[in-house]
PDB file of N, CA and C in Angstrom:
ATOM      1  N   MET A   1      -5.904  -6.893  13.972  1.00  0.00           N
ATOM      2  CA  MET A   1      -6.035  -7.081  12.534  1.00  0.00           C
ATOM      3  C   MET A   1      -4.627  -7.141  11.936  1.00  0.00           C
ATOM      4  N   PRO A   2      -4.391  -8.015  10.968  1.00  0.00           N
ATOM      5  CA  PRO A   2      -3.077  -8.112  10.337  1.00  0.00           C
ATOM      6  C   PRO A   2      -2.648  -6.795   9.695  1.00  0.00           C
ATOM      7  N   THR A   3      -1.352  -6.535   9.782  1.00  0.00           N
ATOM      8  CA  THR A   3      -0.782  -5.304   9.242  1.00  0.00           C
ATOM      9  C   THR A   3       0.175  -5.652   8.110  1.00  0.00           C
ATOM     10  N   TYR A   4       0.151  -4.827   7.090  1.00  0.00           N
ATOM     11  CA  TYR A   4       1.001  -5.015   5.917  1.00  0.00           C
ATOM     12  C   TYR A   4       1.708  -3.709   5.592  1.00  0.00           C
ATOM     13  N   ILE A   5       2.891  -3.822   5.050  1.00  0.00           N
ATOM     14  CA  ILE A   5       3.636  -2.671   4.558  1.00  0.00           C
ATOM     15  C   ILE A   5       3.596  -2.740   3.043  1.00  0.00           C
ATOM     16  N   MET A   6       3.089  -1.694   2.419  1.00  0.00           N
ATOM     17  CA  MET A   6       3.072  -1.615   0.953  1.00  0.00           C
ATOM     18  C   MET A   6       4.126  -0.604   0.526  1.00  0.00           C
ATOM     19  N   LEU A   7       5.097  -1.072  -0.229  1.00  0.00           N
ATOM     20  CA  LEU A   7       6.126  -0.220  -0.789  1.00  0.00           C
ATOM     21  C   LEU A   7       5.728   0.075  -2.229  1.00  0.00           C
ATOM     22  N   SER A   8       5.627   1.345  -2.575  1.00  0.00           N
ATOM     23  CA  SER A   8       5.086   1.730  -3.880  1.00  0.00           C
ATOM     24  C   SER A   8       6.106   2.512  -4.695  1.00  0.00           C
ATOM     25  N   THR A   9       6.192   2.171  -5.972  1.00  0.00           N
ATOM     26  CA  THR A   9       7.049   2.884  -6.916  1.00  0.00           C
ATOM     27  C   THR A   9       6.176   3.326  -8.089  1.00  0.00           C
ATOM     28  N   LEU A  10       6.133   4.619  -8.326  1.00  0.00           N
ATOM     29  CA  LEU A  10       5.334   5.148  -9.420  1.00  0.00           C
ATOM     30  C   LEU A  10       5.971   4.824 -10.769  1.00  0.00           C
ATOM     31  N   THR A  11       5.152   4.486 -11.741  1.00  0.00           N
ATOM     32  CA  THR A  11       5.603   4.375 -13.121  1.00  0.00           C
ATOM     33  C   THR A  11       5.627   5.796 -13.699  1.00  0.00           C
ATOM     34  N   PRO A  12       6.187   5.994 -14.880  1.00  0.00           N
ATOM     35  CA  PRO A  12       6.134   7.343 -15.477  1.00  0.00           C
ATOM     36  C   PRO A  12       4.699   7.874 -15.590  1.00  0.00           C
ATOM     37  N   GLU A  13       3.762   6.997 -15.900  1.00  0.00           N
ATOM     38  CA  GLU A  13       2.359   7.421 -15.974  1.00  0.00           C
ATOM     39  C   GLU A  13       1.847   7.845 -14.596  1.00  0.00           C
ATOM     40  N   GLY A  14       2.259   7.122 -13.568  1.00  0.00           N
ATOM     41  CA  GLY A  14       1.853   7.463 -12.209  1.00  0.00           C
ATOM     42  C   GLY A  14       2.415   8.787 -11.746  1.00  0.00           C
ATOM     43  N   VAL A  15       3.659   9.059 -12.114  1.00  0.00           N
ATOM     44  CA  VAL A  15       4.273  10.352 -11.768  1.00  0.00           C
ATOM     45  C   VAL A  15       3.466  11.476 -12.398  1.00  0.00           C
ATOM     46  N   GLN A  16       3.099  11.316 -13.658  1.00  0.00           N
ATOM     47  CA  GLN A  16       2.324  12.344 -14.347  1.00  0.00           C
ATOM     48  C   GLN A  16       0.957  12.528 -13.694  1.00  0.00           C
ATOM     49  N   THR A  17       0.324  11.420 -13.308  1.00  0.00           N
ATOM     50  CA  THR A  17      -0.978  11.493 -12.652  1.00  0.00           C
ATOM     51  C   THR A  17      -0.891  12.285 -11.355  1.00  0.00           C
ATOM     52  N   ILE A  18       0.104  11.983 -10.526  1.00  0.00           N
ATOM     53  CA  ILE A  18       0.263  12.669  -9.238  1.00  0.00           C
ATOM     54  C   ILE A  18       0.617  14.136  -9.455  1.00  0.00           C
ATOM     55  N   LYS A  19       1.452  14.403 -10.447  1.00  0.00           N
ATOM     56  CA  LYS A  19       1.830  15.793 -10.733  1.00  0.00           C
ATOM     57  C   LYS A  19       0.601  16.607 -11.132  1.00  0.00           C
ATOM     58  N   ASN A  20      -0.255  16.029 -11.974  1.00  0.00           N
ATOM     59  CA  ASN A  20      -1.452  16.727 -12.454  1.00  0.00           C
ATOM     60  C   ASN A  20      -2.584  16.756 -11.441  1.00  0.00           C
ATOM     61  N   ASN A  21      -2.604  15.765 -10.536  1.00  0.00           N
ATOM     62  CA  ASN A  21      -3.712  15.649  -9.586  1.00  0.00           C
ATOM     63  C   ASN A  21      -3.222  15.049  -8.269  1.00  0.00           C
ATOM     64  N   PRO A  22      -2.552  15.829  -7.426  1.00  0.00           N
ATOM     65  CA  PRO A  22      -2.024  15.298  -6.166  1.00  0.00           C
ATOM     66  C   PRO A  22      -3.099  14.676  -5.264  1.00  0.00           C
ATOM     67  N   ALA A  23      -4.330  15.143  -5.387  1.00  0.00           N
ATOM     68  CA  ALA A  23      -5.417  14.589  -4.574  1.00  0.00           C
ATOM     69  C   ALA A  23      -5.684  13.130  -4.908  1.00  0.00           C
ATOM     70  N   ARG A  24      -5.151  12.659  -6.018  1.00  0.00           N
ATOM     71  CA  ARG A  24      -5.343  11.257  -6.422  1.00  0.00           C
ATOM     72  C   ARG A  24      -4.814  10.301  -5.363  1.00  0.00           C
ATOM     73  N   ILE A  25      -3.786  10.735  -4.617  1.00  0.00           N
ATOM     74  CA  ILE A  25      -3.230   9.892  -3.555  1.00  0.00           C
ATOM     75  C   ILE A  25      -4.312   9.545  -2.541  1.00  0.00           C
ATOM     76  N   ARG A  26      -5.060  10.527  -2.097  1.00  0.00           N
ATOM     77  CA  ARG A  26      -6.131  10.280  -1.107  1.00  0.00           C
ATOM     78  C   ARG A  26      -7.296   9.498  -1.733  1.00  0.00           C
ATOM     79  N   GLU A  27      -7.538   9.717  -3.014  1.00  0.00           N
ATOM     80  CA  GLU A  27      -8.590   8.952  -3.694  1.00  0.00           C
ATOM     81  C   GLU A  27      -8.251   7.464  -3.691  1.00  0.00           C
ATOM     82  N   VAL A  28      -6.980   7.143  -3.945  1.00  0.00           N
ATOM     83  CA  VAL A  28      -6.559   5.736  -3.937  1.00  0.00           C
ATOM     84  C   VAL A  28      -6.731   5.152  -2.535  1.00  0.00           C
ATOM     85  N   ASN A  29      -6.430   5.933  -1.493  1.00  0.00           N
ATOM     86  CA  ASN A  29      -6.632   5.445  -0.128  1.00  0.00           C
ATOM     87  C   ASN A  29      -8.097   5.091   0.112  1.00  0.00           C
ATOM     88  N   SER A  30      -9.009   5.886  -0.411  1.00  0.00           N
ATOM     89  CA  SER A  30     -10.439   5.584  -0.293  1.00  0.00           C
ATOM     90  C   SER A  30     -10.793   4.311  -1.057  1.00  0.00           C
ATOM     91  N   GLU A  31     -10.176   4.119  -2.211  1.00  0.00           N
ATOM     92  CA  GLU A  31     -10.420   2.905  -2.992  1.00  0.00           C
ATOM     93  C   GLU A  31      -9.917   1.672  -2.247  1.00  0.00           C
ATOM     94  N   ILE A  32      -8.806   1.807  -1.541  1.00  0.00           N
ATOM     95  CA  ILE A  32      -8.293   0.703  -0.730  1.00  0.00           C
ATOM     96  C   ILE A  32      -9.317   0.332   0.333  1.00  0.00           C
ATOM     97  N   GLU A  33      -9.948   1.326   0.947  1.00  0.00           N
ATOM     98  CA  GLU A  33     -10.985   1.052   1.950  1.00  0.00           C
ATOM     99  C   GLU A  33     -12.168   0.326   1.326  1.00  0.00           C
ATOM    100  N   GLN A  34     -12.545   0.695   0.112  1.00  0.00           N
ATOM    101  CA  GLN A  34     -13.652   0.020  -0.572  1.00  0.00           C
ATOM    102  C   GLN A  34     -13.325  -1.436  -0.865  1.00  0.00           C
ATOM    103  N   LEU A  35     -12.033  -1.751  -0.947  1.00  0.00           N
ATOM    104  CA  LEU A  35     -11.600  -3.134  -1.184  1.00  0.00           C
ATOM    105  C   LEU A  35     -11.457  -3.928   0.114  1.00  0.00           C
ATOM    106  N   GLY A  36     -11.718  -3.284   1.261  1.00  0.00           N
ATOM    107  CA  GLY A  36     -11.732  -4.005   2.534  1.00  0.00           C
ATOM    108  C   GLY A  36     -10.518  -3.821   3.411  1.00  0.00           C
ATOM    109  N   ALA A  37      -9.622  -2.895   3.073  1.00  0.00           N
ATOM    110  CA  ALA A  37      -8.427  -2.638   3.874  1.00  0.00           C
ATOM    111  C   ALA A  37      -8.422  -1.173   4.296  1.00  0.00           C
ATOM    112  N   THR A  38      -7.513  -0.807   5.197  1.00  0.00           N
ATOM    113  CA  THR A  38      -7.441   0.562   5.695  1.00  0.00           C
ATOM    114  C   THR A  38      -5.988   1.028   5.715  1.00  0.00           C
ATOM    115  N   VAL A  39      -5.736   2.192   5.142  1.00  0.00           N
ATOM    116  CA  VAL A  39      -4.409   2.799   5.219  1.00  0.00           C
ATOM    117  C   VAL A  39      -4.303   3.468   6.584  1.00  0.00           C
ATOM    118  N   LYS A  40      -3.391   2.978   7.417  1.00  0.00           N
ATOM    119  CA  LYS A  40      -3.219   3.501   8.769  1.00  0.00           C
ATOM    120  C   LYS A  40      -2.168   4.609   8.821  1.00  0.00           C
ATOM    121  N   ALA A  41      -1.173   4.556   7.951  1.00  0.00           N
ATOM    122  CA  ALA A  41      -0.135   5.582   7.885  1.00  0.00           C
ATOM    123  C   ALA A  41       0.443   5.569   6.482  1.00  0.00           C
ATOM    124  N   GLN A  42       0.968   6.736   6.071  1.00  0.00           N
ATOM    125  CA  GLN A  42       1.495   6.831   4.715  1.00  0.00           C
ATOM    126  C   GLN A  42       2.574   7.909   4.674  1.00  0.00           C
ATOM    127  N   TRP A  43       3.652   7.597   3.970  1.00  0.00           N
ATOM    128  CA  TRP A  43       4.744   8.544   3.798  1.00  0.00           C
ATOM    129  C   TRP A  43       5.161   8.578   2.341  1.00  0.00           C
ATOM    130  N   ALA A  44       5.464   9.758   1.840  1.00  0.00           N
ATOM    131  CA  ALA A  44       6.150   9.911   0.569  1.00  0.00           C
ATOM    132  C   ALA A  44       7.636   9.841   0.903  1.00  0.00           C
ATOM    133  N   THR A  45       8.403   9.106   0.115  1.00  0.00           N
ATOM    134  CA  THR A  45       9.812   8.901   0.437  1.00  0.00           C
ATOM    135  C   THR A  45      10.696   9.201  -0.768  1.00  0.00           C
ATOM    136  N   LEU A  46      11.951   9.430  -0.480  1.00  0.00           N
ATOM    137  CA  LEU A  46      12.958   9.606  -1.518  1.00  0.00           C
ATOM    138  C   LEU A  46      13.749   8.313  -1.600  1.00  0.00           C
ATOM    139  N   GLY A  47      14.163   7.938  -2.781  1.00  0.00           N
ATOM    140  CA  GLY A  47      14.933   6.714  -2.921  1.00  0.00           C
ATOM    141  C   GLY A  47      14.209   5.710  -3.795  1.00  0.00           C
ATOM    142  N   ARG A  48      14.430   4.455  -3.522  1.00  0.00           N
ATOM    143  CA  ARG A  48      13.904   3.364  -4.351  1.00  0.00           C
ATOM    144  C   ARG A  48      12.382   3.336  -4.400  1.00  0.00           C
ATOM    145  N   PHE A  49      11.731   3.676  -3.293  1.00  0.00           N
ATOM    146  CA  PHE A  49      10.270   3.669  -3.225  1.00  0.00           C
ATOM    147  C   PHE A  49       9.754   5.094  -3.115  1.00  0.00           C
ATOM    148  N   ASP A  50       8.606   5.343  -3.724  1.00  0.00           N
ATOM    149  CA  ASP A  50       7.999   6.673  -3.676  1.00  0.00           C
ATOM    150  C   ASP A  50       7.065   6.846  -2.490  1.00  0.00           C
ATOM    151  N   PHE A  51       6.436   5.754  -2.058  1.00  0.00           N
ATOM    152  CA  PHE A  51       5.524   5.801  -0.917  1.00  0.00           C
ATOM    153  C   PHE A  51       5.694   4.546  -0.068  1.00  0.00           C
ATOM    154  N   ILE A  52       5.529   4.723   1.222  1.00  0.00           N
ATOM    155  CA  ILE A  52       5.447   3.601   2.153  1.00  0.00           C
ATOM    156  C   ILE A  52       4.107   3.739   2.857  1.00  0.00           C
ATOM    157  N   ASN A  53       3.315   2.672   2.795  1.00  0.00           N
ATOM    158  CA  ASN A  53       1.989   2.658   3.394  1.00  0.00           C
ATOM    159  C   ASN A  53       1.897   1.545   4.431  1.00  0.00           C
ATOM    160  N   VAL A  54       1.318   1.851   5.565  1.00  0.00           N
ATOM    161  CA  VAL A  54       0.989   0.842   6.558  1.00  0.00           C
ATOM    162  C   VAL A  54      -0.504   0.586   6.398  1.00  0.00           C
ATOM    163  N   VAL A  55      -0.837  -0.662   6.073  1.00  0.00           N
ATOM    164  CA  VAL A  55      -2.214  -1.016   5.736  1.00  0.00           C
ATOM    165  C   VAL A  55      -2.676  -2.161   6.630  1.00  0.00           C
ATOM    166  N   GLU A  56      -3.896  -2.055   7.140  1.00  0.00           N
ATOM    167  CA  GLU A  56      -4.510  -3.162   7.869  1.00  0.00           C
ATOM    168  C   GLU A  56      -5.550  -3.804   6.970  1.00  0.00           C
ATOM    169  N   ALA A  57      -5.578  -5.126   6.977  1.00  0.00           N
ATOM    170  CA  ALA A  57      -6.551  -5.889   6.199  1.00  0.00           C
ATOM    171  C   ALA A  57      -6.912  -7.135   6.991  1.00  0.00           C
ATOM    172  N   PRO A  58      -8.115  -7.650   6.827  1.00  0.00           N
ATOM    173  CA  PRO A  58      -8.531  -8.810   7.616  1.00  0.00           C
ATOM    174  C   PRO A  58      -7.739 -10.077   7.317  1.00  0.00           C
ATOM    175  N   ASP A  59      -7.164 -10.185   6.115  1.00  0.00           N
ATOM    176  CA  ASP A  59      -6.442 -11.403   5.757  1.00  0.00           C
ATOM    177  C   ASP A  59      -5.595 -11.171   4.512  1.00  0.00           C
ATOM    178  N   GLU A  60      -4.774 -12.167   4.193  1.00  0.00           N
ATOM    179  CA  GLU A  60      -3.885 -12.060   3.034  1.00  0.00           C
ATOM    180  C   GLU A  60      -4.650 -11.991   1.718  1.00  0.00           C
ATOM    181  N   ALA A  61      -5.794 -12.661   1.661  1.00  0.00           N
ATOM    182  CA  ALA A  61      -6.579 -12.639   0.421  1.00  0.00           C
ATOM    183  C   ALA A  61      -7.053 -11.212   0.117  1.00  0.00           C
ATOM    184  N   THR A  62      -7.474 -10.492   1.136  1.00  0.00           N
ATOM    185  CA  THR A  62      -7.898  -9.104   0.939  1.00  0.00           C
ATOM    186  C   THR A  62      -6.726  -8.254   0.475  1.00  0.00           C
ATOM    187  N   MET A  63      -5.575  -8.460   1.086  1.00  0.00           N
ATOM    188  CA  MET A  63      -4.393  -7.687   0.712  1.00  0.00           C
ATOM    189  C   MET A  63      -3.957  -8.015  -0.705  1.00  0.00           C
ATOM    190  N   ALA A  64      -4.072  -9.272  -1.098  1.00  0.00           N
ATOM    191  CA  ALA A  64      -3.750  -9.668  -2.473  1.00  0.00           C
ATOM    192  C   ALA A  64      -4.690  -8.977  -3.456  1.00  0.00           C
ATOM    193  N   ARG A  65      -5.962  -8.912  -3.107  1.00  0.00           N
ATOM    194  CA  ARG A  65      -6.946  -8.242  -3.970  1.00  0.00           C
ATOM    195  C   ARG A  65      -6.590  -6.758  -4.125  1.00  0.00           C
ATOM    196  N   VAL A  66      -6.208  -6.106  -3.019  1.00  0.00           N
ATOM    197  CA  VAL A  66      -5.801  -4.697  -3.067  1.00  0.00           C
ATOM    198  C   VAL A  66      -4.591  -4.539  -3.992  1.00  0.00           C
ATOM    199  N   SER A  67      -3.576  -5.347  -3.788  1.00  0.00           N
ATOM    200  CA  SER A  67      -2.354  -5.244  -4.591  1.00  0.00           C
ATOM    201  C   SER A  67      -2.629  -5.486  -6.073  1.00  0.00           C
ATOM    202  N   LEU A  68      -3.419  -6.497  -6.376  1.00  0.00           N
ATOM    203  CA  LEU A  68      -3.717  -6.806  -7.781  1.00  0.00           C
ATOM    204  C   LEU A  68      -4.556  -5.719  -8.436  1.00  0.00           C
ATOM    205  N   GLU A  69      -5.553  -5.235  -7.718  1.00  0.00           N
ATOM    206  CA  GLU A  69      -6.413  -4.188  -8.276  1.00  0.00           C
ATOM    207  C   GLU A  69      -5.609  -2.928  -8.560  1.00  0.00           C
ATOM    208  N   LEU A  70      -4.828  -2.484  -7.595  1.00  0.00           N
ATOM    209  CA  LEU A  70      -4.054  -1.259  -7.789  1.00  0.00           C
ATOM    210  C   LEU A  70      -2.941  -1.467  -8.812  1.00  0.00           C
ATOM    211  N   GLY A  71      -2.278  -2.596  -8.766  1.00  0.00           N
ATOM    212  CA  GLY A  71      -1.191  -2.878  -9.686  1.00  0.00           C
ATOM    213  C   GLY A  71      -1.646  -3.024 -11.126  1.00  0.00           C
ATOM    214  N   SER A  72      -2.874  -3.452 -11.328  1.00  0.00           N
ATOM    215  CA  SER A  72      -3.379  -3.675 -12.686  1.00  0.00           C
ATOM    216  C   SER A  72      -3.573  -2.374 -13.453  1.00  0.00           C
ATOM    217  N   ARG A  73      -3.527  -1.255 -12.774  1.00  0.00           N
ATOM    218  CA  ARG A  73      -3.754   0.037 -13.423  1.00  0.00           C
ATOM    219  C   ARG A  73      -2.522   0.532 -14.182  1.00  0.00           C
ATOM    220  N   GLY A  74      -1.369  -0.010 -13.845  1.00  0.00           N
ATOM    221  CA  GLY A  74      -0.157   0.345 -14.565  1.00  0.00           C
ATOM    222  C   GLY A  74       0.494   1.653 -14.151  1.00  0.00           C
ATOM    223  N   THR A  75       0.020   2.284 -13.072  1.00  0.00           N
ATOM    224  CA  THR A  75       0.602   3.550 -12.643  1.00  0.00           C
ATOM    225  C   THR A  75       1.549   3.406 -11.458  1.00  0.00           C
ATOM    226  N   VAL A  76       1.507   2.263 -10.802  1.00  0.00           N
ATOM    227  CA  VAL A  76       2.344   2.026  -9.622  1.00  0.00           C
ATOM    228  C   VAL A  76       2.720   0.554  -9.568  1.00  0.00           C
ATOM    229  N   ARG A  77       3.934   0.271  -9.103  1.00  0.00           N
ATOM    230  CA  ARG A  77       4.355  -1.101  -8.810  1.00  0.00           C
ATOM    231  C   ARG A  77       4.419  -1.233  -7.298  1.00  0.00           C
ATOM    232  N   TYR A  78       3.944  -2.359  -6.787  1.00  0.00           N
ATOM    233  CA  TYR A  78       3.867  -2.565  -5.341  1.00  0.00           C
ATOM    234  C   TYR A  78       4.705  -3.753  -4.902  1.00  0.00           C
ATOM    235  N   GLU A  79       5.238  -3.633  -3.706  1.00  0.00           N
ATOM    236  CA  GLU A  79       5.827  -4.756  -2.994  1.00  0.00           C
ATOM    237  C   GLU A  79       5.149  -4.749  -1.626  1.00  0.00           C
ATOM    238  N   THR A  80       4.501  -5.846  -1.281  1.00  0.00           N
ATOM    239  CA  THR A  80       3.737  -5.906  -0.036  1.00  0.00           C
ATOM    240  C   THR A  80       4.392  -6.881   0.930  1.00  0.00           C
ATOM    241  N   LEU A  81       4.570  -6.436   2.154  1.00  0.00           N
ATOM    242  CA  LEU A  81       5.209  -7.233   3.197  1.00  0.00           C
ATOM    243  C   LEU A  81       4.238  -7.445   4.338  1.00  0.00           C
ATOM    244  N   SER A  82       4.230  -8.633   4.907  1.00  0.00           N
ATOM    245  CA  SER A  82       3.444  -8.898   6.104  1.00  0.00           C
ATOM    246  C   SER A  82       4.242  -8.407   7.304  1.00  0.00           C
ATOM    247  N   ALA A  83       3.625  -7.602   8.149  1.00  0.00           N
ATOM    248  CA  ALA A  83       4.307  -7.040   9.319  1.00  0.00           C
ATOM    249  C   ALA A  83       3.853  -7.773  10.579  1.00  0.00           C
ATOM    250  N   ILE A  84       4.802  -8.324  11.303  1.00  0.00           N
ATOM    251  CA  ILE A  84       4.511  -9.072  12.532  1.00  0.00           C
ATOM    252  C   ILE A  84       5.017  -8.263  13.719  1.00  0.00           C
ATOM    253  N   PRO A  85       4.131  -7.935  14.674  1.00  0.00           N
ATOM    254  CA  PRO A  85       4.610  -7.201  15.852  1.00  0.00           C
ATOM    255  C   PRO A  85       5.745  -7.982  16.516  1.00  0.00           C
ATOM    256  N   VAL A  86       6.760  -7.284  16.985  1.00  0.00           N
ATOM    257  CA  VAL A  86       7.950  -7.914  17.533  1.00  0.00           C
ATOM    258  C   VAL A  86       7.601  -8.848  18.706  1.00  0.00           C
ATOM    259  N   ASP A  87       6.697  -8.425  19.569  1.00  0.00           N
ATOM    260  CA  ASP A  87       6.331  -9.285  20.710  1.00  0.00           C
ATOM    261  C   ASP A  87       5.713 -10.597  20.233  1.00  0.00           C
ATOM    262  N   GLU A  88       4.861 -10.521  19.208  1.00  0.00           N
ATOM    263  CA  GLU A  88       4.272 -11.757  18.659  1.00  0.00           C
ATOM    264  C   GLU A  88       5.360 -12.628  18.034  1.00  0.00           C
ATOM    265  N   PHE A  89       6.279 -11.996  17.331  1.00  0.00           N
ATOM    266  CA  PHE A  89       7.370 -12.739  16.705  1.00  0.00           C
ATOM    267  C   PHE A  89       8.208 -13.462  17.751  1.00  0.00           C
ATOM    268  N   ILE A  90       8.594 -12.758  18.798  1.00  0.00           N
ATOM    269  CA  ILE A  90       9.390 -13.377  19.864  1.00  0.00           C
ATOM    270  C   ILE A  90       8.632 -14.500  20.519  1.00  0.00           C
ATOM    271  N   ALA A  91       7.341 -14.322  20.782  1.00  0.00           N
ATOM    272  CA  ALA A  91       6.531 -15.350  21.430  1.00  0.00           C
ATOM    273  C   ALA A  91       6.427 -16.603  20.565  1.00  0.00           C
ATOM    274  N   SER A  92       6.513 -16.438  19.247  1.00  0.00           N
ATOM    275  CA  SER A  92       6.371 -17.592  18.368  1.00  0.00           C
ATOM    276  C   SER A  92       7.647 -18.427  18.262  1.00  0.00           C
ATOM    277  N   LEU A  93       8.756 -17.907  18.760  1.00  0.00           N
ATOM    278  CA  LEU A  93      10.044 -18.612  18.635  1.00  0.00           C
ATOM    279  C   LEU A  93      10.212 -19.707  19.661  1.00  0.00           C
TER     280      LEU A  93
END
């Protein structure tokens, strides 16, 4: 299944939401599953991005739907990258 990296930056509203309800992070992961994708790994990070998520989705359209749905809430900004396994990348050259 295709893998994507979602880089997330909380807006001020998102920071307040997480501060008041840390369990919201896991709730969003469940919502991602309802949209047809699966969070395979997740890290909270320091620096430019607040979270790094490894997400599997059947196709780019599903991943676009996830990004648009979550981004439309105004609490987080996302940058989504398509992740290609190195062996597949080398084989394609």
